[in-house]
């Protein structure tokens, strides 16, 4: 039987997942009527500019505001100012934007409405160092967290307690105005406190929790950061704080919705889709090996699913960096999957980040085919050595299998699809 090229189908599923998470589609149904007073729009994240544009397009009354997004993710708006800053390590532009946002929401009244547009990436884009910290301190901590192997929830716990704006502090600054937060989730479990480190929601975690994470992963932090945590001065805004009474928080789209859109494309192509999970976490290479084991069982035994089928999953894996390569968590997963499958016939896969950026590269992810390893060996590349060097981007780019989307203007985290046609 001739091997079917499943790359067009994989890309169609990925594109459908991204399209389902576009703010223009999912934001308008959540907008309230205009208030008696002012309407202030604030926000941060990779999707925040597109969210601001969708809001502008569907808002009849007066409106003003500032949102900060990643460089290259700007969307033109008429009444809401769009500021661009750095991600994943914060810069001075994000620092200035956070200060301007805090000033904008100060002095409001009960007649005013603040609409906060929050999406993934906001943790680094909305940067306000806690007491005694500098931007350089925050940059150092962020870089160390990204290399540590800590989960996104653990990283954001540390970030919240070293911040002057996250962990509900921005919500407290809006009081007594009415606050509506619209979220695009990029985190496993869709917990609002973990989306952009929760600037507008109460935080039940503590400084002691942040210290435990730092010690667990042996993360080096500046002396000022440890002092802020051990003194308790970095405590965030807790549930029950009267300044947060009456706030509204809505998740307008999330990874599950994106996976369901991809599943619809699979069905239209005549394949049965199975969503394994929308919230997978763990080391990317370990998740890759686990997916490979499932794919092998499906292909050889028709268990737990009969081929042809599609396995879909989302969430946010982590990478403990050991090498010097050009990597990201999605290509790390895919390279680990490739090594474990070892050229198994009838299996194609795509892994990518729905924001269009995997790791530090302007590359969303990559595709895997049954001949991936053979083509790599023919070019003189050692797949396992590339994996050990965390060089997923270098590996797949050399094969011409990178997936490049450009700025997607949304972010519902990792997307993984494995098409299994069975034995040939």
Protein backbone atom coordinates (compact mmCIF):
# COMPACT_ATOMS: atom_id res chain seq x y z
CA UNK A 1 0.00 0.00 0.00
CA UNK A 2 1.31 3.44 -0.88
CA UNK A 3 2.07 5.72 2.06
CA UNK A 4 -0.41 8.62 2.27
CA UNK A 5 1.10 12.08 2.79
CA UNK A 6 -0.81 13.41 5.79
CA UNK A 7 1.04 16.72 6.08
CA UNK A 8 -1.73 18.76 4.35
CA UNK A 9 -4.31 17.32 6.74
CA UNK A 10 -2.11 18.01 9.76
CA UNK A 11 -1.63 21.63 8.70
CA UNK A 12 -5.37 22.01 8.07
CA UNK A 13 -6.10 20.80 11.61
CA UNK A 14 -3.51 23.17 13.08
CA UNK A 15 -4.91 26.11 11.11
CA UNK A 16 -8.44 25.24 12.25
CA UNK A 17 -7.31 25.17 15.88
CA UNK A 18 -5.78 28.64 15.53
CA UNK A 19 -8.82 30.02 13.70
CA UNK A 20 -11.16 28.80 16.44
CA UNK A 21 -9.25 30.85 19.00
CA UNK A 22 -9.35 34.16 17.14
CA UNK A 23 -10.65 37.03 19.32
CA UNK A 24 -12.87 38.36 16.53
CA UNK A 25 -14.88 35.16 16.82
CA UNK A 26 -14.94 34.49 20.55
CA UNK A 27 -14.82 37.91 22.26
CA UNK A 28 -17.96 39.85 21.12
CA UNK A 29 -20.53 37.57 22.84
CA UNK A 30 -19.00 38.42 26.23
CA UNK A 31 -19.20 42.22 26.04
CA UNK A 32 -21.48 44.00 28.55
CA UNK A 33 -23.56 47.13 27.92
CA UNK A 34 -21.72 50.46 28.29
CA UNK A 35 -21.54 51.90 31.83
CA UNK A 36 -22.77 55.27 33.05
CA UNK A 37 -19.20 56.43 33.44
CA UNK A 38 -15.95 55.82 31.54
CA UNK A 39 -14.94 52.59 29.81
CA UNK A 40 -11.25 51.83 30.24
CA UNK A 41 -9.60 48.96 28.35
CA UNK A 42 -6.37 47.44 29.63
CA UNK A 43 -4.64 44.23 28.74
CA UNK A 44 -1.55 42.16 28.16
CA UNK A 45 -0.65 39.09 26.14
CA UNK A 46 0.08 37.82 22.67
CA UNK A 47 -3.61 38.03 21.75
CA UNK A 48 -4.37 41.30 23.54
CA UNK A 49 -4.06 43.56 20.49
CA UNK A 50 -6.40 41.37 18.44
CA UNK A 51 -8.76 41.29 21.42
CA UNK A 52 -8.67 45.09 21.58
CA UNK A 53 -9.52 45.33 17.90
CA UNK A 54 -12.45 42.94 18.30
CA UNK A 55 -13.71 44.98 21.24
CA UNK A 56 -13.42 48.26 19.32
CA UNK A 57 -15.31 46.79 16.39
CA UNK A 58 -18.26 45.84 18.61
CA UNK A 59 -18.38 48.71 21.14
CA UNK A 60 -20.77 51.56 20.48
CA UNK A 61 -19.90 53.99 23.30
CA UNK A 62 -16.78 55.98 24.20
CA UNK A 63 -13.73 53.91 25.01
CA UNK A 64 -10.04 54.42 25.83
CA UNK A 65 -7.17 52.30 26.99
CA UNK A 66 -3.77 50.66 26.66
CA UNK A 67 -2.83 47.04 25.99
CA UNK A 68 0.65 45.56 25.63
CA UNK A 69 1.47 42.74 23.23
CA UNK A 70 4.52 40.95 21.86
CA UNK A 71 6.68 42.61 19.22
CA UNK A 72 5.17 41.82 15.82
CA UNK A 73 1.69 41.11 17.22
CA UNK A 74 0.36 44.65 16.90
CA UNK A 75 -3.12 45.11 15.41
CA UNK A 76 -4.16 48.67 14.41
CA UNK A 77 -6.77 50.19 16.72
CA UNK A 78 -8.38 53.64 16.67
CA UNK A 79 -9.21 54.27 20.33
CA UNK A 80 -7.10 51.77 22.25
CA UNK A 81 -3.33 52.28 22.27
CA UNK A 82 -1.27 49.20 21.39
CA UNK A 83 2.17 48.95 22.98
CA UNK A 84 4.70 46.30 21.97
CA UNK A 85 7.19 44.69 24.35
CA UNK A 86 9.44 41.64 24.71
CA UNK A 87 8.53 38.02 25.34
CA UNK A 88 9.51 35.66 26.96
CA UNK A 89 12.06 37.81 28.82
CA UNK A 90 10.66 41.25 29.76
CA UNK A 91 12.11 44.58 28.63
CA UNK A 92 11.85 48.29 29.42
CA UNK A 93 8.89 48.75 27.06
CA UNK A 94 6.82 46.31 29.12
CA UNK A 95 7.92 48.06 32.32
CA UNK A 96 6.75 51.43 31.00
CA UNK A 97 3.47 49.98 29.73
CA UNK A 98 2.67 48.43 33.11
CA UNK A 99 3.28 51.75 34.86
CA UNK A 100 1.02 53.58 32.39
CA UNK A 101 -1.74 50.99 32.84
CA UNK A 102 -1.66 51.35 36.62
CA UNK A 103 -1.91 55.12 36.32
CA UNK A 104 -4.79 54.84 33.84
CA UNK A 105 -6.97 52.82 36.25
CA UNK A 106 -6.26 54.93 39.32
CA UNK A 107 -8.92 57.30 40.60
CA UNK A 108 -11.88 55.57 38.95
CA UNK A 109 -15.43 55.53 40.36
CA UNK A 110 -18.19 52.97 40.78
CA UNK A 111 -19.79 54.27 37.59
CA UNK A 112 -16.72 53.33 35.53
CA UNK A 113 -16.01 50.03 33.79
CA UNK A 114 -12.59 48.46 33.27
CA UNK A 115 -12.34 45.69 30.68
CA UNK A 116 -9.13 43.68 31.05
CA UNK A 117 -8.04 41.67 27.99
CA UNK A 118 -5.63 39.01 29.19
CA UNK A 119 -3.94 36.19 27.27
CA UNK A 120 -0.84 34.04 27.37
CA UNK A 121 2.45 35.90 27.35
CA UNK A 122 1.21 38.56 29.73
CA UNK A 123 3.55 37.40 32.49
CA UNK A 124 6.56 38.89 30.72
CA UNK A 125 4.76 41.63 28.78
CA UNK A 126 3.19 43.21 31.89
CA UNK A 127 6.25 43.69 34.08
CA UNK A 128 6.32 45.65 37.33
CA UNK A 129 9.09 44.59 39.73
CA UNK A 130 8.07 44.13 43.34
CA UNK A 131 9.48 46.29 46.12
CA UNK A 132 13.28 46.43 46.02
CA UNK A 133 13.57 44.66 42.65
CA UNK A 134 14.81 46.01 39.33
CA UNK A 135 13.96 45.11 35.76
CA UNK A 136 17.31 43.31 35.56
CA UNK A 137 16.28 41.21 38.56
CA UNK A 138 13.01 40.24 36.87
CA UNK A 139 14.83 39.40 33.63
CA UNK A 140 17.27 37.18 35.54
CA UNK A 141 14.49 35.32 37.35
CA UNK A 142 12.46 34.88 34.16
CA UNK A 143 15.42 33.44 32.25
CA UNK A 144 16.21 31.05 35.11
CA UNK A 145 12.59 29.89 35.35
CA UNK A 146 12.42 29.16 31.62
CA UNK A 147 15.44 26.87 31.88
CA UNK A 148 14.47 25.15 35.12
CA UNK A 149 11.91 22.59 33.98
CA UNK A 150 9.27 24.03 36.31
CA UNK A 151 5.65 23.85 35.13
CA UNK A 152 3.87 26.99 33.94
CA UNK A 153 1.84 27.03 37.15
CA UNK A 154 5.00 26.88 39.25
CA UNK A 155 6.74 29.56 37.20
CA UNK A 156 3.76 31.88 37.48
CA UNK A 157 3.56 31.37 41.25
CA UNK A 158 7.09 32.73 41.55
CA UNK A 159 6.36 35.57 39.13
CA UNK A 160 3.24 36.65 41.05
CA UNK A 161 5.13 37.07 44.30
CA UNK A 162 7.92 39.11 42.73
CA UNK A 163 5.52 41.46 40.96
CA UNK A 164 3.89 44.78 41.72
CA UNK A 165 1.01 44.18 39.30
CA UNK A 166 0.25 40.45 39.06
CA UNK A 167 -1.52 38.21 41.55
CA UNK A 168 -4.63 40.43 41.73
CA UNK A 169 -2.74 43.68 42.28
CA UNK A 170 -4.00 45.22 39.04
CA UNK A 171 -7.59 44.37 40.04
CA UNK A 172 -7.07 46.08 43.40
CA UNK A 173 -5.78 49.17 41.57
CA UNK A 174 -9.04 49.35 39.58
CA UNK A 175 -11.23 49.51 42.70
CA UNK A 176 -13.97 50.77 43.07
CA UNK A 177 -14.67 50.59 39.32
CA UNK A 178 -16.46 47.56 37.92
CA UNK A 179 -13.91 45.11 36.48
CA UNK A 180 -14.58 42.59 33.72
CA UNK A 181 -11.68 40.31 32.73
CA UNK A 182 -11.86 38.44 29.42
CA UNK A 183 -9.30 35.63 29.19
CA UNK A 184 -7.84 33.52 26.42
CA UNK A 185 -6.43 30.52 28.24
CA UNK A 186 -3.01 29.11 27.41
CA UNK A 187 -2.55 27.04 30.56
CA UNK A 188 -3.42 23.46 31.53
CA UNK A 189 -6.59 23.46 33.55
CA UNK A 190 -7.60 27.00 32.46
CA UNK A 191 -7.06 28.41 35.97
CA UNK A 192 -7.35 32.23 35.66
CA UNK A 193 -4.60 32.77 38.24
CA UNK A 194 -2.11 31.10 35.89
CA UNK A 195 -3.07 33.04 32.75
CA UNK A 196 -0.50 35.87 32.54
CA UNK A 197 0.12 35.26 36.26
CA UNK A 198 -3.36 36.49 37.19
CA UNK A 199 -3.12 40.31 37.33
CA UNK A 200 -6.87 40.74 37.87
CA UNK A 201 -7.85 37.73 40.00
CA UNK A 202 -7.27 36.74 43.62
CA UNK A 203 -4.28 34.53 44.35
CA UNK A 204 -4.48 31.80 47.03
CA UNK A 205 -0.78 30.90 46.77
CA UNK A 206 1.85 32.36 49.10
CA UNK A 207 5.43 33.57 49.25
CA UNK A 208 6.25 30.30 50.99
CA UNK A 209 4.95 28.43 47.95
CA UNK A 210 7.20 30.51 45.69
CA UNK A 211 10.24 29.81 47.88
CA UNK A 212 9.50 26.07 47.80
CA UNK A 213 9.46 26.12 44.00
CA UNK A 214 12.75 28.00 43.83
CA UNK A 215 14.36 25.45 46.11
CA UNK A 216 12.77 22.46 44.38
CA UNK A 217 14.33 23.38 41.04
CA UNK A 218 17.53 24.92 42.45
CA UNK A 219 16.74 28.23 40.75
CA UNK A 220 19.25 31.00 41.36
CA UNK A 221 17.51 34.28 42.15
CA UNK A 222 18.89 37.71 43.07
CA UNK A 223 19.31 38.48 46.76
CA UNK A 224 16.61 41.15 46.57
CA UNK A 225 14.13 38.61 45.19
CA UNK A 226 14.76 36.12 47.98
CA UNK A 227 14.50 38.92 50.56
CA UNK A 228 11.12 40.00 49.16
CA UNK A 229 9.82 36.45 49.43
CA UNK A 230 11.23 35.52 52.85
CA UNK A 231 10.02 38.79 54.40
CA UNK A 232 6.47 38.14 53.21
CA UNK A 233 6.37 41.58 51.58
CA UNK A 234 5.70 39.91 48.23
CA UNK A 235 2.30 38.50 49.24
CA UNK A 236 -0.32 38.86 46.53
CA UNK A 237 -4.01 39.82 46.82
CA UNK A 238 -5.92 37.00 48.49
CA UNK A 239 -9.47 35.67 48.03
CA UNK A 240 -11.94 37.67 50.08
CA UNK A 241 -10.14 40.99 49.65
CA UNK A 242 -12.92 43.63 49.51
CA UNK A 243 -11.21 45.42 46.61
CA UNK A 244 -11.95 42.37 44.45
CA UNK A 245 -15.61 42.02 45.36
CA UNK A 246 -17.94 42.00 42.39
CA UNK A 247 -15.33 41.44 39.69
CA UNK A 248 -16.30 39.28 36.72
CA UNK A 249 -13.94 36.88 34.96
CA UNK A 250 -14.74 34.93 31.80
CA UNK A 251 -12.62 32.55 29.73
CA UNK A 252 -13.65 33.25 26.15
CA UNK A 253 -11.62 30.51 24.49
CA UNK A 254 -9.31 27.72 25.61
CA UNK A 255 -7.27 24.75 24.32
CA UNK A 256 -10.25 22.38 24.36
CA UNK A 257 -12.13 24.56 21.87
CA UNK A 258 -9.13 24.58 19.52
CA UNK A 259 -8.79 20.79 19.70
CA UNK A 260 -12.48 20.35 18.95
CA UNK A 261 -12.06 22.49 15.82
CA UNK A 262 -9.18 20.27 14.70
CA UNK A 263 -11.28 17.17 15.42
CA UNK A 264 -13.97 18.50 13.08
CA UNK A 265 -11.40 18.75 10.25
CA UNK A 266 -10.27 15.18 10.92
CA UNK A 267 -13.84 13.86 10.70
CA UNK A 268 -14.39 15.72 7.44
CA UNK A 269 -11.33 13.89 6.07
CA UNK A 270 -12.80 10.52 7.07
CA UNK A 271 -10.64 9.88 10.15
CA UNK A 272 -11.88 9.38 13.69
CA UNK A 273 -10.33 11.91 16.11
CA UNK A 274 -9.57 11.22 19.77
CA UNK A 275 -8.75 14.08 22.11
CA UNK A 276 -6.40 12.59 24.69
CA UNK A 277 -6.21 15.72 26.87
CA UNK A 278 -6.24 19.49 26.61
CA UNK A 279 -3.96 19.90 29.63
CA UNK A 280 -0.91 17.67 29.34
CA UNK A 281 2.14 18.71 31.35
CA UNK A 282 5.59 17.26 31.95
CA UNK A 283 8.90 17.04 30.15
CA UNK A 284 8.34 17.36 26.41
CA UNK A 285 10.59 14.41 25.59
CA UNK A 286 8.74 12.18 28.07
CA UNK A 287 5.37 13.19 26.60
CA UNK A 288 6.81 12.38 23.17
CA UNK A 289 7.78 8.86 24.23
CA UNK A 290 4.37 8.29 25.80
CA UNK A 291 2.59 9.38 22.60
CA UNK A 292 4.86 7.10 20.58
CA UNK A 293 3.91 4.12 22.75
CA UNK A 294 0.21 4.82 22.18
CA UNK A 295 0.75 5.24 18.44
CA UNK A 296 2.57 1.91 18.25
CA UNK A 297 -0.25 0.12 20.09
CA UNK A 298 -2.86 1.66 17.81
CA UNK A 299 -0.89 0.75 14.70
CA UNK A 300 -0.04 -2.81 15.69
CA UNK A 301 -3.01 -3.91 17.79
CA UNK A 302 -5.84 -1.49 17.05
CA UNK A 303 -5.91 -0.59 20.74
CA UNK A 304 -7.22 1.52 22.36
CA UNK A 305 -8.34 2.97 19.01
CA UNK A 306 -8.64 1.44 15.56
CA UNK A 307 -6.73 3.08 12.73
CA UNK A 308 -7.06 5.18 10.70
CA UNK A 309 -7.44 7.78 13.42
CA UNK A 310 -6.04 11.03 14.78
CA UNK A 311 -4.71 11.55 18.30
CA UNK A 312 -5.05 15.16 19.48
CA UNK A 313 -3.65 16.74 22.61
CA UNK A 314 -2.85 20.13 24.09
CA UNK A 315 -1.46 21.64 27.26
CA UNK A 316 1.98 23.00 28.03
CA UNK A 317 5.03 20.80 28.35
CA UNK A 318 8.37 21.87 29.75
CA UNK A 319 11.97 21.46 28.69
CA UNK A 320 14.89 21.17 31.08
CA UNK A 321 17.66 22.64 28.97
CA UNK A 322 20.83 20.57 28.89
CA UNK A 323 22.22 21.37 25.44
CA UNK A 324 23.09 24.39 23.33
CA UNK A 325 20.70 23.84 20.41
CA UNK A 326 17.80 25.84 19.01
CA UNK A 327 14.81 24.28 20.64
CA UNK A 328 11.25 24.75 21.79
CA UNK A 329 8.95 22.45 23.72
CA UNK A 330 6.92 21.42 20.65
CA UNK A 331 9.87 20.46 18.47
CA UNK A 332 11.44 18.75 21.50
CA UNK A 333 8.27 16.66 21.81
CA UNK A 334 8.25 15.91 18.08
CA UNK A 335 11.91 14.91 17.94
CA UNK A 336 11.44 12.62 20.95
CA UNK A 337 8.39 11.14 19.23
CA UNK A 338 10.41 10.56 16.06
CA UNK A 339 13.22 8.78 17.89
CA UNK A 340 10.75 6.55 19.75
CA UNK A 341 8.75 5.69 16.62
CA UNK A 342 11.94 4.90 14.70
CA UNK A 343 10.37 5.32 11.26
CA UNK A 344 7.13 3.46 11.97
CA UNK A 345 5.11 3.34 8.74
CA UNK A 346 1.74 5.03 8.53
CA UNK A 347 2.37 7.60 11.28
CA UNK A 348 2.55 11.36 10.63
CA UNK A 349 2.53 14.11 13.26
CA UNK A 350 2.55 17.86 13.79
CA UNK A 351 3.38 19.73 16.97
CA UNK A 352 3.23 23.49 17.24
CA UNK A 353 2.51 26.45 19.48
CA UNK A 354 -0.73 28.18 18.59
CA UNK A 355 0.87 31.59 19.05
CA UNK A 356 3.27 30.86 16.18
CA UNK A 357 6.40 30.91 18.36
CA UNK A 358 7.96 27.76 19.81
CA UNK A 359 10.70 28.62 22.28
CA UNK A 360 12.71 31.64 21.14
CA UNK A 361 12.18 31.06 17.42
CA UNK A 362 9.67 32.64 15.03
CA UNK A 363 8.72 29.07 14.11
CA UNK A 364 5.49 27.49 15.36
CA UNK A 365 6.68 23.88 15.28
CA UNK A 366 7.29 21.10 12.76
CA UNK A 367 5.93 18.04 10.96
CA UNK A 368 7.03 14.42 11.32
CA UNK A 369 6.77 11.79 8.55
CA UNK A 370 7.65 8.09 8.52
CA UNK A 371 10.88 8.88 6.64
CA UNK A 372 12.01 11.72 8.93
CA UNK A 373 14.83 9.73 10.55
CA UNK A 374 16.01 8.27 7.24
CA UNK A 375 16.23 11.73 5.68
CA UNK A 376 18.09 13.02 8.74
CA UNK A 377 20.67 10.22 8.63
CA UNK A 378 21.13 10.87 4.90
CA UNK A 379 22.08 14.47 5.75
CA UNK A 380 24.56 13.31 8.36
CA UNK A 381 22.38 14.25 11.35
CA UNK A 382 22.07 12.07 14.43
CA UNK A 383 18.46 12.41 15.70
CA UNK A 384 19.22 11.31 19.26
CA UNK A 385 22.21 13.65 19.45
CA UNK A 386 19.99 16.51 18.25
CA UNK A 387 17.50 15.67 20.99
CA UNK A 388 20.22 15.55 23.64
CA UNK A 389 21.36 18.99 22.45
CA UNK A 390 17.80 20.41 22.62
CA UNK A 391 18.12 21.21 18.92
CA UNK A 392 14.63 20.49 17.62
CA UNK A 393 14.47 23.59 15.43
CA UNK A 394 17.88 22.93 13.93
CA UNK A 395 16.88 19.35 13.18
CA UNK A 396 13.51 19.96 11.50
CA UNK A 397 14.60 23.12 9.72
CA UNK A 398 17.42 21.21 8.03
CA UNK A 399 14.81 18.75 6.74
CA UNK A 400 12.51 21.51 5.50
CA UNK A 401 9.79 20.37 7.90
CA UNK A 402 9.40 23.50 10.05
CA UNK A 403 5.89 24.92 10.39
CA UNK A 404 5.85 28.71 10.11
CA UNK A 405 2.64 30.66 10.61
CA UNK A 406 3.79 34.18 11.42
CA UNK A 407 1.99 35.99 14.27
CA UNK A 408 -1.31 34.17 14.85
CA UNK A 409 -2.71 36.90 17.16
CA UNK A 410 -3.96 34.30 19.62
CA UNK A 411 -2.54 31.75 22.06
CA UNK A 412 -4.18 28.59 23.38
CA UNK A 413 -0.87 26.84 23.91
CA UNK A 414 0.53 23.61 22.49
CA UNK A 415 -1.15 21.68 19.70
CA UNK A 416 -0.26 18.09 18.89
CA UNK A 417 -1.80 15.86 16.23
CA UNK A 418 -0.74 12.32 15.27
CA UNK A 419 -2.35 10.66 12.25
CA UNK A 420 -2.14 6.86 12.38
CA UNK A 421 -3.06 5.00 9.19
CA UNK A 422 -2.00 1.63 10.53
CA UNK A 423 0.37 -1.00 9.14
CA UNK A 424 1.53 -0.95 5.52
